[in-house]
Amino acid sequence: MRCEIAFGVDARYVKYAGIAMTSVAMQSEEANVGFHLVCDGIADADRKRLDAFRAAFPWTDVHIYDARAALDEISFPRGISPERINRSVFTRILMPELVPQSLDRILYLDADTLCVGHMGAFWSLDLAGAPLAAAPEGEAQRKAARIGMKGWSYFNAGVMLIDLARWRAQQLTAYTLAAWEEYGASFPLLEQDALNYVLDGEFLPIGRKYVQMMDAFAPWDVDFSAQYTIWHFLNEGKPWIRYADPRVREAYWQVVRGSPWSDLTPSEPWETRIAYLAGCHAEAAEDYPAAAHYFHAAAERLMEFYLEQTSRINQSGQEH
């Protein structure tokens, strides 16, 4: 069995894709794996690390695709400046047209994923005629209604098992980009909204056995004793940020240490909620200086927010 796995990244996220690739490789020694990186830029240092990856995991191969020219051609809706959006999110929509036409199936993964189980059953999943399989998104009905879908089945586009032949036959890349150009100003979730709008429920829903979505700082509804294939980390709670939940942190950094990116250092929490939860985890670990630091950072950011709100209210009152 051979699995083909794709990532879409900009130059900053190649390292995180490399760690996700390492997690797949560690779980897939019995199978050949082809990795396909669709990149909006890539640093020479990461190219060298990808060479080291090939040497460390000889049952894999790595292909790099330069998506910059295709990304340059994407039109943005009126009122939305390209500078406001990280355009690399569109690499997942372009990917089926950039990888070899000889490939008939591919598993797309966001860089904020971790493979924690064997891929075979997931890779072999019968798509039952659907162009892709994906995990249903939380609050699916509300998100579907918000963008004007006819149905209410809405999926998360961070992990997609794609029938490439069907995707291409239905011209999903072209239709999704057209939907983005026409309606994107009202799509808060950008290309994910556009793809859901076009498919309007035409996907195979997959359960937690294959994809467990979570916040790396607050995985409160996750059964860590269960068998999953992919962990997908949503929102701001990423596993490479300092003082993520210890159950997530231990699994993630074990993979980091076995990867060519083993010198990666944790990022500092920047978002208020994540800083607060980092403080909670530091306190539980009896790292009281770190706990004090993160609680203080969270409090400062809350204070700044409410002072700004108060100032706006006062200014509005003066204008009236």
C-alpha atoms as a PDB file:
ATOM      1  CA  MET A   1       0.000   0.000   0.000  1.00  0.00           C
ATOM      2  CA  ARG A   2       1.186   3.501  -0.814  1.00  0.00           C
ATOM      3  CA  CYS A   3      -0.327   6.642   0.694  1.00  0.00           C
ATOM      4  CA  GLU A   4      -0.131  10.071  -0.922  1.00  0.00           C
ATOM      5  CA  ILE A   5      -0.372  12.959   1.536  1.00  0.00           C
ATOM      6  CA  ALA A   6      -0.472  16.678   0.745  1.00  0.00           C
ATOM      7  CA  PHE A   7       0.127  19.864   2.735  1.00  0.00           C
ATOM      8  CA  GLY A   8      -0.432  23.485   1.782  1.00  0.00           C
ATOM      9  CA  VAL A   9       1.862  25.954   3.546  1.00  0.00           C
ATOM     10  CA  ASP A  10       3.695  29.238   3.390  1.00  0.00           C
ATOM     11  CA  ALA A  11       7.391  29.505   4.274  1.00  0.00           C
ATOM     12  CA  ARG A  12       6.655  29.968   7.998  1.00  0.00           C
ATOM     13  CA  TYR A  13       4.673  26.742   8.296  1.00  0.00           C
ATOM     14  CA  VAL A  14       6.930  24.334   6.399  1.00  0.00           C
ATOM     15  CA  LYS A  15       8.515  23.261   9.696  1.00  0.00           C
ATOM     16  CA  TYR A  16       5.148  22.365  11.213  1.00  0.00           C
ATOM     17  CA  ALA A  17       4.224  20.399   8.099  1.00  0.00           C
ATOM     18  CA  GLY A  18       7.590  18.636   8.448  1.00  0.00           C
ATOM     19  CA  ILE A  19       6.708  17.594  11.988  1.00  0.00           C
ATOM     20  CA  ALA A  20       3.300  16.339  10.860  1.00  0.00           C
ATOM     21  CA  MET A  21       5.082  14.425   8.082  1.00  0.00           C
ATOM     22  CA  THR A  22       7.418  12.897  10.660  1.00  0.00           C
ATOM     23  CA  SER A  23       4.440  11.707  12.698  1.00  0.00           C
ATOM     24  CA  VAL A  24       3.009  10.005   9.598  1.00  0.00           C
ATOM     25  CA  ALA A  25       6.353   8.437   8.728  1.00  0.00           C
ATOM     26  CA  MET A  26       6.735   7.083  12.266  1.00  0.00           C
ATOM     27  CA  GLN A  27       3.371   5.340  11.950  1.00  0.00           C
ATOM     28  CA  SER A  28       3.897   4.054   8.388  1.00  0.00           C
ATOM     29  CA  GLU A  29       7.056   1.979   8.235  1.00  0.00           C
ATOM     30  CA  GLU A  30       5.137  -0.880   6.602  1.00  0.00           C
ATOM     31  CA  ALA A  31       3.967   1.328   3.701  1.00  0.00           C
ATOM     32  CA  ASN A  32       5.483   3.713   1.187  1.00  0.00           C
ATOM     33  CA  VAL A  33       4.359   7.311   1.627  1.00  0.00           C
ATOM     34  CA  GLY A  34       4.540  10.137  -0.879  1.00  0.00           C
ATOM     35  CA  PHE A  35       4.448  13.653   0.571  1.00  0.00           C
ATOM     36  CA  HIS A  36       3.396  16.619  -1.554  1.00  0.00           C
ATOM     37  CA  LEU A  37       4.124  20.120  -0.228  1.00  0.00           C
ATOM     38  CA  VAL A  38       2.287  22.883  -2.063  1.00  0.00           C
ATOM     39  CA  CYS A  39       4.198  25.970  -0.965  1.00  0.00           C
ATOM     40  CA  ASP A  40       3.775  29.712  -1.007  1.00  0.00           C
ATOM     41  CA  GLY A  41       7.546  30.047  -0.622  1.00  0.00           C
ATOM     42  CA  ILE A  42      10.051  27.832   1.171  1.00  0.00           C
ATOM     43  CA  ALA A  43      13.383  28.648   2.828  1.00  0.00           C
ATOM     44  CA  ASP A  44      16.615  26.976   1.730  1.00  0.00           C
ATOM     45  CA  ALA A  45      17.114  25.738   5.301  1.00  0.00           C
ATOM     46  CA  ASP A  46      13.813  23.850   5.142  1.00  0.00           C
ATOM     47  CA  ARG A  47      14.737  22.351   1.763  1.00  0.00           C
ATOM     48  CA  LYS A  48      17.874  20.949   3.404  1.00  0.00           C
ATOM     49  CA  ARG A  49      15.836  19.578   6.299  1.00  0.00           C
ATOM     50  CA  LEU A  50      13.478  17.911   3.834  1.00  0.00           C
ATOM     51  CA  ASP A  51      16.513  16.241   2.276  1.00  0.00           C
ATOM     52  CA  ALA A  52      17.434  15.039   5.773  1.00  0.00           C
ATOM     53  CA  PHE A  53      13.845  13.822   6.190  1.00  0.00           C
ATOM     54  CA  ARG A  54      14.116  11.669   3.061  1.00  0.00           C
ATOM     55  CA  ALA A  55      17.356  10.155   4.374  1.00  0.00           C
ATOM     56  CA  ALA A  56      15.891   9.498   7.839  1.00  0.00           C
ATOM     57  CA  PHE A  57      12.712   7.902   6.483  1.00  0.00           C
ATOM     58  CA  PRO A  58      13.716   6.072   3.286  1.00  0.00           C
ATOM     59  CA  TRP A  59      10.225   4.606   2.787  1.00  0.00           C
ATOM     60  CA  THR A  60       9.023   8.117   1.962  1.00  0.00           C
ATOM     61  CA  ASP A  61       9.578  10.585  -0.832  1.00  0.00           C
ATOM     62  CA  VAL A  62       8.903  14.323  -0.891  1.00  0.00           C
ATOM     63  CA  HIS A  63       7.709  16.526  -3.742  1.00  0.00           C
ATOM     64  CA  ILE A  64       7.625  20.335  -3.557  1.00  0.00           C
ATOM     65  CA  TYR A  65       5.305  22.477  -5.689  1.00  0.00           C
ATOM     66  CA  ASP A  66       5.694  26.227  -6.071  1.00  0.00           C
ATOM     67  CA  ALA A  67       2.182  27.661  -5.829  1.00  0.00           C
ATOM     68  CA  ARG A  68       3.135  31.338  -5.917  1.00  0.00           C
ATOM     69  CA  ALA A  69       2.167  31.983  -9.528  1.00  0.00           C
ATOM     70  CA  ALA A  70      -1.216  30.288  -9.091  1.00  0.00           C
ATOM     71  CA  LEU A  71      -1.841  32.198  -5.855  1.00  0.00           C
ATOM     72  CA  ASP A  72      -0.991  35.462  -7.623  1.00  0.00           C
ATOM     73  CA  GLU A  73      -3.887  34.833 -10.022  1.00  0.00           C
ATOM     74  CA  ILE A  74      -6.570  34.425  -7.326  1.00  0.00           C
ATOM     75  CA  SER A  75      -8.997  37.330  -7.370  1.00  0.00           C
ATOM     76  CA  PHE A  76     -10.108  38.803  -4.067  1.00  0.00           C
ATOM     77  CA  PRO A  77     -13.665  40.051  -3.528  1.00  0.00           C
ATOM     78  CA  ARG A  78     -14.268  43.781  -3.599  1.00  0.00           C
ATOM     79  CA  GLY A  79     -13.510  45.304  -0.218  1.00  0.00           C
ATOM     80  CA  ILE A  80     -11.031  42.613   0.859  1.00  0.00           C
ATOM     81  CA  SER A  81      -7.370  43.432   0.467  1.00  0.00           C
ATOM     82  CA  PRO A  82      -5.073  40.419  -0.192  1.00  0.00           C
ATOM     83  CA  GLU A  83      -2.781  41.784   2.518  1.00  0.00           C
ATOM     84  CA  ARG A  84      -5.495  41.134   5.128  1.00  0.00           C
ATOM     85  CA  ILE A  85      -5.543  37.391   4.446  1.00  0.00           C
ATOM     86  CA  ASN A  86      -2.842  34.745   4.545  1.00  0.00           C
ATOM     87  CA  ARG A  87      -3.299  33.598   0.983  1.00  0.00           C
ATOM     88  CA  SER A  88      -1.593  30.265   1.633  1.00  0.00           C
ATOM     89  CA  VAL A  89      -4.973  28.956   2.874  1.00  0.00           C
ATOM     90  CA  PHE A  90      -5.901  28.642  -0.798  1.00  0.00           C
ATOM     91  CA  THR A  91      -3.124  26.115  -1.455  1.00  0.00           C
ATOM     92  CA  ARG A  92      -5.482  23.300  -0.427  1.00  0.00           C
ATOM     93  CA  ILE A  93      -7.904  24.390  -3.170  1.00  0.00           C
ATOM     94  CA  LEU A  94      -5.136  24.630  -5.784  1.00  0.00           C
ATOM     95  CA  MET A  95      -3.417  21.404  -4.717  1.00  0.00           C
ATOM     96  CA  PRO A  96      -5.508  18.907  -6.782  1.00  0.00           C
ATOM     97  CA  GLU A  97      -4.510  20.755  -9.957  1.00  0.00           C
ATOM     98  CA  LEU A  98      -0.809  20.974  -9.058  1.00  0.00           C
ATOM     99  CA  VAL A  99      -0.025  17.399  -8.043  1.00  0.00           C
ATOM    100  CA  PRO A 100       0.512  14.830 -10.825  1.00  0.00           C
ATOM    101  CA  GLN A 101      -2.584  13.935 -12.828  1.00  0.00           C
ATOM    102  CA  SER A 102      -1.640  10.279 -12.384  1.00  0.00           C
ATOM    103  CA  LEU A 103      -2.643  10.445  -8.707  1.00  0.00           C
ATOM    104  CA  ASP A 104      -6.260   9.403  -8.172  1.00  0.00           C
ATOM    105  CA  ARG A 105      -6.469   9.830  -4.372  1.00  0.00           C
ATOM    106  CA  ILE A 106      -4.727  12.058  -1.850  1.00  0.00           C
ATOM    107  CA  LEU A 107      -5.065  12.869   1.826  1.00  0.00           C
ATOM    108  CA  TYR A 108      -4.807  16.583   2.522  1.00  0.00           C
ATOM    109  CA  LEU A 109      -3.604  17.584   6.004  1.00  0.00           C
ATOM    110  CA  ASP A 110      -3.193  20.999   7.559  1.00  0.00           C
ATOM    111  CA  ALA A 111       0.200  21.624   9.146  1.00  0.00           C
ATOM    112  CA  ASP A 112      -1.431  21.736  12.599  1.00  0.00           C
ATOM    113  CA  THR A 113      -2.081  17.986  12.629  1.00  0.00           C
ATOM    114  CA  LEU A 114      -0.388  14.984  14.217  1.00  0.00           C
ATOM    115  CA  CYS A 115      -0.666  11.377  13.099  1.00  0.00           C
ATOM    116  CA  VAL A 116      -1.192   9.179  16.168  1.00  0.00           C
ATOM    117  CA  GLY A 117      -2.333   5.912  14.554  1.00  0.00           C
ATOM    118  CA  HIS A 118      -1.851   3.740  11.503  1.00  0.00           C
ATOM    119  CA  MET A 119      -3.134   5.354   8.332  1.00  0.00           C
ATOM    120  CA  GLY A 120      -4.235   2.222   6.433  1.00  0.00           C
ATOM    121  CA  ALA A 121      -7.938   2.105   7.317  1.00  0.00           C
ATOM    122  CA  PHE A 122      -8.382   5.823   6.790  1.00  0.00           C
ATOM    123  CA  TRP A 123      -6.530   5.810   3.483  1.00  0.00           C
ATOM    124  CA  SER A 124      -8.609   2.863   2.202  1.00  0.00           C
ATOM    125  CA  LEU A 125     -11.963   4.398   3.174  1.00  0.00           C
ATOM    126  CA  ASP A 126     -14.712   3.919   0.582  1.00  0.00           C
ATOM    127  CA  LEU A 127     -15.817   7.415  -0.434  1.00  0.00           C
ATOM    128  CA  ALA A 128     -19.120   6.054  -1.769  1.00  0.00           C
ATOM    129  CA  GLY A 129     -19.046   8.351  -4.796  1.00  0.00           C
ATOM    130  CA  ALA A 130     -18.312  11.533  -2.871  1.00  0.00           C
ATOM    131  CA  PRO A 131     -15.445  13.782  -4.004  1.00  0.00           C
ATOM    132  CA  LEU A 132     -14.014  13.854  -0.485  1.00  0.00           C
ATOM    133  CA  ALA A 133     -14.363  12.671   3.097  1.00  0.00           C
ATOM    134  CA  ALA A 134     -13.988  15.092   5.993  1.00  0.00           C
ATOM    135  CA  ALA A 135     -14.985  15.630   9.608  1.00  0.00           C
ATOM    136  CA  PRO A 136     -18.201  17.593  10.257  1.00  0.00           C
ATOM    137  CA  GLU A 137     -17.533  20.988  11.774  1.00  0.00           C
ATOM    138  CA  GLY A 138     -18.953  22.086  15.118  1.00  0.00           C
ATOM    139  CA  GLU A 139     -22.110  24.220  14.839  1.00  0.00           C
ATOM    140  CA  ALA A 140     -22.449  22.930  11.284  1.00  0.00           C
ATOM    141  CA  GLN A 141     -26.051  24.028  10.798  1.00  0.00           C
ATOM    142  CA  ARG A 142     -25.325  27.614  11.858  1.00  0.00           C
ATOM    143  CA  LYS A 143     -22.217  27.825   9.657  1.00  0.00           C
ATOM    144  CA  ALA A 144     -24.078  26.400   6.669  1.00  0.00           C
ATOM    145  CA  ALA A 145     -26.967  28.842   7.085  1.00  0.00           C
ATOM    146  CA  ARG A 146     -24.574  31.769   7.531  1.00  0.00           C
ATOM    147  CA  ILE A 147     -23.161  31.340   4.013  1.00  0.00           C
ATOM    148  CA  GLY A 148     -26.452  30.500   2.309  1.00  0.00           C
ATOM    149  CA  MET A 149     -26.067  26.759   1.795  1.00  0.00           C
ATOM    150  CA  LYS A 150     -29.220  24.841   0.912  1.00  0.00           C
ATOM    151  CA  GLY A 151     -28.395  22.029   3.333  1.00  0.00           C
ATOM    152  CA  TRP A 152     -26.786  22.064   6.757  1.00  0.00           C
ATOM    153  CA  SER A 153     -23.925  19.549   6.397  1.00  0.00           C
ATOM    154  CA  TYR A 154     -20.705  21.526   6.824  1.00  0.00           C
ATOM    155  CA  PHE A 155     -17.181  20.092   7.139  1.00  0.00           C
ATOM    156  CA  ASN A 156     -13.785  21.160   8.394  1.00  0.00           C
ATOM    157  CA  ALA A 157     -11.334  21.393   5.480  1.00  0.00           C
ATOM    158  CA  GLY A 158      -8.175  20.778   7.543  1.00  0.00           C
ATOM    159  CA  VAL A 159      -8.236  17.031   6.882  1.00  0.00           C
ATOM    160  CA  MET A 160      -9.705  15.811   3.596  1.00  0.00           C
ATOM    161  CA  LEU A 161      -9.419  12.443   1.865  1.00  0.00           C
ATOM    162  CA  ILE A 162      -9.925  13.461  -1.749  1.00  0.00           C
ATOM    163  CA  ASP A 163     -10.949  11.523  -4.857  1.00  0.00           C
ATOM    164  CA  LEU A 164      -8.782  13.552  -7.220  1.00  0.00           C
ATOM    165  CA  ALA A 165     -10.443  12.244 -10.382  1.00  0.00           C
ATOM    166  CA  ARG A 166     -13.888  13.230  -9.131  1.00  0.00           C
ATOM    167  CA  TRP A 167     -12.613  16.605  -7.824  1.00  0.00           C
ATOM    168  CA  ARG A 168     -11.153  17.388 -11.234  1.00  0.00           C
ATOM    169  CA  ALA A 169     -14.196  16.114 -13.152  1.00  0.00           C
ATOM    170  CA  GLN A 170     -16.410  18.412 -11.066  1.00  0.00           C
ATOM    171  CA  GLN A 171     -13.923  21.301 -11.550  1.00  0.00           C
ATOM    172  CA  LEU A 172     -14.008  22.004  -7.830  1.00  0.00           C
ATOM    173  CA  THR A 173     -10.907  24.185  -7.867  1.00  0.00           C
ATOM    174  CA  ALA A 174     -12.397  26.528 -10.466  1.00  0.00           C
ATOM    175  CA  TYR A 175     -15.869  26.605  -8.897  1.00  0.00           C
ATOM    176  CA  THR A 176     -14.526  27.178  -5.390  1.00  0.00           C
ATOM    177  CA  LEU A 177     -12.320  30.065  -6.496  1.00  0.00           C
ATOM    178  CA  ALA A 178     -15.261  31.534  -8.433  1.00  0.00           C
ATOM    179  CA  ALA A 179     -17.467  31.305  -5.342  1.00  0.00           C
ATOM    180  CA  TRP A 180     -14.740  33.002  -3.320  1.00  0.00           C
ATOM    181  CA  GLU A 181     -14.414  35.817  -5.850  1.00  0.00           C
ATOM    182  CA  GLU A 182     -18.178  36.430  -5.917  1.00  0.00           C
ATOM    183  CA  TYR A 183     -19.212  35.850  -2.313  1.00  0.00           C
ATOM    184  CA  GLY A 184     -15.970  35.832  -0.319  1.00  0.00           C
ATOM    185  CA  ALA A 185     -16.677  39.135   1.422  1.00  0.00           C
ATOM    186  CA  SER A 186     -19.417  37.300   3.353  1.00  0.00           C
ATOM    187  CA  PHE A 187     -17.349  34.130   3.985  1.00  0.00           C
ATOM    188  CA  PRO A 188     -15.756  34.477   7.452  1.00  0.00           C
ATOM    189  CA  LEU A 189     -13.999  31.120   7.089  1.00  0.00           C
ATOM    190  CA  LEU A 190     -12.593  32.013   3.669  1.00  0.00           C
ATOM    191  CA  GLU A 191     -11.783  29.086   1.389  1.00  0.00           C
ATOM    192  CA  GLN A 192     -13.420  26.556   3.736  1.00  0.00           C
ATOM    193  CA  ASP A 193     -16.697  28.438   3.405  1.00  0.00           C
ATOM    194  CA  ALA A 194     -16.235  28.637  -0.369  1.00  0.00           C
ATOM    195  CA  LEU A 195     -15.633  24.895  -0.722  1.00  0.00           C
ATOM    196  CA  ASN A 196     -18.586  24.048   1.521  1.00  0.00           C
ATOM    197  CA  TYR A 197     -20.768  26.465  -0.433  1.00  0.00           C
ATOM    198  CA  VAL A 198     -19.878  24.737  -3.703  1.00  0.00           C
ATOM    199  CA  LEU A 199     -20.251  21.159  -2.421  1.00  0.00           C
ATOM    200  CA  ASP A 200     -23.327  21.954  -0.288  1.00  0.00           C
ATOM    201  CA  GLY A 201     -23.184  18.731   1.709  1.00  0.00           C
ATOM    202  CA  GLU A 202     -21.722  16.475  -0.990  1.00  0.00           C
ATOM    203  CA  PHE A 203     -19.057  14.855   1.175  1.00  0.00           C
ATOM    204  CA  LEU A 204     -18.615  11.701   3.233  1.00  0.00           C
ATOM    205  CA  PRO A 205     -18.696  12.515   6.965  1.00  0.00           C
ATOM    206  CA  ILE A 206     -16.006  10.787   9.014  1.00  0.00           C
ATOM    207  CA  GLY A 207     -15.971  10.276  12.754  1.00  0.00           C
ATOM    208  CA  ARG A 208     -13.508  10.733  15.562  1.00  0.00           C
ATOM    209  CA  LYS A 209     -11.952   7.339  14.887  1.00  0.00           C
ATOM    210  CA  TYR A 210     -10.158   8.981  11.975  1.00  0.00           C
ATOM    211  CA  VAL A 211      -9.986  12.662  12.942  1.00  0.00           C
ATOM    212  CA  GLN A 212     -10.133  14.048  16.467  1.00  0.00           C
ATOM    213  CA  MET A 213     -10.363  17.835  16.421  1.00  0.00           C
ATOM    214  CA  MET A 214      -9.184  19.614  19.546  1.00  0.00           C
ATOM    215  CA  ASP A 215      -7.709  22.687  21.151  1.00  0.00           C
ATOM    216  CA  ALA A 216      -4.178  21.815  22.323  1.00  0.00           C
ATOM    217  CA  PHE A 217      -4.724  23.930  25.448  1.00  0.00           C
ATOM    218  CA  ALA A 218      -8.231  22.750  26.306  1.00  0.00           C
ATOM    219  CA  PRO A 219      -8.823  19.198  24.985  1.00  0.00           C
ATOM    220  CA  TRP A 220     -11.549  18.639  27.574  1.00  0.00           C
ATOM    221  CA  ASP A 221     -13.803  16.408  25.456  1.00  0.00           C
ATOM    222  CA  VAL A 222     -10.975  14.171  24.152  1.00  0.00           C
ATOM    223  CA  ASP A 223     -10.632  10.563  25.319  1.00  0.00           C
ATOM    224  CA  PHE A 224      -6.855  10.114  25.262  1.00  0.00           C
ATOM    225  CA  SER A 225      -7.228   6.370  25.849  1.00  0.00           C
ATOM    226  CA  ALA A 226      -9.127   5.965  22.553  1.00  0.00           C
ATOM    227  CA  GLN A 227      -7.556   5.041  19.228  1.00  0.00           C
ATOM    228  CA  TYR A 228      -7.462   7.872  16.708  1.00  0.00           C
ATOM    229  CA  THR A 229      -5.639   8.336  13.405  1.00  0.00           C
ATOM    230  CA  ILE A 230      -5.195  12.130  13.202  1.00  0.00           C
ATOM    231  CA  TRP A 231      -5.277  14.861  15.814  1.00  0.00           C
ATOM    232  CA  HIS A 232      -6.210  18.216  14.306  1.00  0.00           C
ATOM    233  CA  PHE A 233      -5.534  21.285  16.438  1.00  0.00           C
ATOM    234  CA  LEU A 234      -8.040  24.081  15.913  1.00  0.00           C
ATOM    235  CA  ASN A 235      -8.069  27.813  16.544  1.00  0.00           C
ATOM    236  CA  GLU A 236      -5.215  29.465  18.477  1.00  0.00           C
ATOM    237  CA  GLY A 237      -4.425  26.436  20.651  1.00  0.00           C
ATOM    238  CA  LYS A 238      -1.476  24.892  18.808  1.00  0.00           C
ATOM    239  CA  PRO A 239       0.779  22.180  20.258  1.00  0.00           C
ATOM    240  CA  TRP A 240       3.986  24.072  19.507  1.00  0.00           C
ATOM    241  CA  ILE A 241       3.029  26.890  21.884  1.00  0.00           C
ATOM    242  CA  ARG A 242       4.620  26.743  25.330  1.00  0.00           C
ATOM    243  CA  TYR A 243       2.622  25.019  28.050  1.00  0.00           C
ATOM    244  CA  ALA A 244      -0.044  23.336  25.941  1.00  0.00           C
ATOM    245  CA  ASP A 245      -1.975  20.567  27.695  1.00  0.00           C
ATOM    246  CA  PRO A 246       0.661  18.068  28.927  1.00  0.00           C
ATOM    247  CA  ARG A 247      -0.992  15.092  27.181  1.00  0.00           C
ATOM    248  CA  VAL A 248      -0.771  16.921  23.871  1.00  0.00           C
ATOM    249  CA  ARG A 249       2.615  18.457  24.594  1.00  0.00           C
ATOM    250  CA  GLU A 250       4.293  15.148  25.377  1.00  0.00           C
ATOM    251  CA  ALA A 251       3.053  13.449  22.208  1.00  0.00           C
ATOM    252  CA  TYR A 252       3.896  16.397  19.959  1.00  0.00           C
ATOM    253  CA  TRP A 253       7.392  17.087  21.221  1.00  0.00           C
ATOM    254  CA  GLN A 254       8.307  13.411  21.101  1.00  0.00           C
ATOM    255  CA  VAL A 255       7.742  13.636  17.344  1.00  0.00           C
ATOM    256  CA  VAL A 256       9.630  16.937  17.130  1.00  0.00           C
ATOM    257  CA  ARG A 257      12.671  15.325  18.767  1.00  0.00           C
ATOM    258  CA  GLY A 258      12.643  12.567  16.145  1.00  0.00           C
ATOM    259  CA  SER A 259      12.384  14.984  13.224  1.00  0.00           C
ATOM    260  CA  PRO A 260      14.911  17.089  11.279  1.00  0.00           C
ATOM    261  CA  TRP A 261      13.330  20.073  13.062  1.00  0.00           C
ATOM    262  CA  SER A 262      14.445  18.799  16.484  1.00  0.00           C
ATOM    263  CA  ASP A 263      15.892  22.217  17.375  1.00  0.00           C
ATOM    264  CA  LEU A 264      12.443  23.818  17.251  1.00  0.00           C
ATOM    265  CA  THR A 265      11.674  25.874  20.354  1.00  0.00           C
ATOM    266  CA  PRO A 266       8.133  26.468  21.681  1.00  0.00           C
ATOM    267  CA  SER A 267       6.374  29.678  20.724  1.00  0.00           C
ATOM    268  CA  GLU A 268       5.135  31.988  23.448  1.00  0.00           C
ATOM    269  CA  PRO A 269       1.364  32.331  23.999  1.00  0.00           C
ATOM    270  CA  TRP A 270       0.072  35.600  22.548  1.00  0.00           C
ATOM    271  CA  GLU A 271      -3.725  35.247  22.699  1.00  0.00           C
ATOM    272  CA  THR A 272      -5.324  36.063  26.070  1.00  0.00           C
ATOM    273  CA  ARG A 273      -7.147  32.768  26.566  1.00  0.00           C
ATOM    274  CA  ILE A 274      -4.087  30.728  25.606  1.00  0.00           C
ATOM    275  CA  ALA A 275      -1.861  32.752  27.959  1.00  0.00           C
ATOM    276  CA  TYR A 276      -4.310  32.104  30.810  1.00  0.00           C
ATOM    277  CA  LEU A 277      -4.462  28.353  30.095  1.00  0.00           C
ATOM    278  CA  ALA A 278      -0.662  28.234  29.795  1.00  0.00           C
ATOM    279  CA  GLY A 279      -0.593  29.701  33.288  1.00  0.00           C
ATOM    280  CA  CYS A 280      -2.972  26.997  34.516  1.00  0.00           C
ATOM    281  CA  HIS A 281      -0.812  24.226  33.043  1.00  0.00           C
ATOM    282  CA  ALA A 282       2.364  25.803  34.420  1.00  0.00           C
ATOM    283  CA  GLU A 283       0.778  26.020  37.860  1.00  0.00           C
ATOM    284  CA  ALA A 284      -0.246  22.335  37.695  1.00  0.00           C
ATOM    285  CA  ALA A 285       3.367  21.490  36.816  1.00  0.00           C
ATOM    286  CA  GLU A 286       4.515  23.547  39.842  1.00  0.00           C
ATOM    287  CA  ASP A 287       6.424  25.913  37.571  1.00  0.00           C
ATOM    288  CA  TYR A 288       5.287  28.920  39.551  1.00  0.00           C
ATOM    289  CA  PRO A 289       7.491  31.566  37.850  1.00  0.00           C
ATOM    290  CA  ALA A 290       6.036  30.573  34.464  1.00  0.00           C
ATOM    291  CA  ALA A 291       2.510  30.490  35.913  1.00  0.00           C
ATOM    292  CA  ALA A 292       2.942  33.987  37.315  1.00  0.00           C
ATOM    293  CA  HIS A 293       4.306  35.227  33.982  1.00  0.00           C
ATOM    294  CA  TYR A 294       1.404  33.872  31.907  1.00  0.00           C
ATOM    295  CA  PHE A 295      -1.327  34.912  34.341  1.00  0.00           C
ATOM    296  CA  HIS A 296       0.177  38.403  34.398  1.00  0.00           C
ATOM    297  CA  ALA A 297       0.332  38.500  30.590  1.00  0.00           C
ATOM    298  CA  ALA A 298      -3.318  37.432  30.340  1.00  0.00           C
ATOM    299  CA  ALA A 299      -4.374  40.051  32.885  1.00  0.00           C
ATOM    300  CA  GLU A 300      -2.472  42.799  31.052  1.00  0.00           C
ATOM    301  CA  ARG A 301      -4.114  41.917  27.754  1.00  0.00           C
ATOM    302  CA  LEU A 302      -7.558  41.892  29.336  1.00  0.00           C
ATOM    303  CA  MET A 303      -6.849  45.270  30.926  1.00  0.00           C
ATOM    304  CA  GLU A 304      -5.738  46.700  27.568  1.00  0.00           C
ATOM    305  CA  PHE A 305      -8.868  45.367  25.881  1.00  0.00           C
ATOM    306  CA  TYR A 306     -11.291  46.856  28.397  1.00  0.00           C
ATOM    307  CA  LEU A 307      -9.475  50.167  28.515  1.00  0.00           C
ATOM    308  CA  GLU A 308      -9.773  50.381  24.728  1.00  0.00           C
ATOM    309  CA  GLN A 309     -13.486  49.536  24.943  1.00  0.00           C
ATOM    310  CA  THR A 310     -14.016  52.201  27.605  1.00  0.00           C
ATOM    311  CA  SER A 311     -12.182  54.770  25.499  1.00  0.00           C
ATOM    312  CA  ARG A 312     -14.352  53.990  22.460  1.00  0.00           C
ATOM    313  CA  ILE A 313     -17.543  54.306  24.502  1.00  0.00           C
ATOM    314  CA  ASN A 314     -16.409  57.640  25.936  1.00  0.00           C
ATOM    315  CA  GLN A 315     -15.472  58.985  22.516  1.00  0.00           C
ATOM    316  CA  SER A 316     -18.809  57.854  21.085  1.00  0.00           C
ATOM    317  CA  GLY A 317     -20.638  59.600  23.934  1.00  0.00           C
ATOM    318  CA  GLN A 318     -18.729  62.835  23.350  1.00  0.00           C
ATOM    319  CA  GLU A 319     -19.516  62.790  19.631  1.00  0.00           C
ATOM    320  CA  HIS A 320     -23.223  62.582  20.406  1.00  0.00           C
END
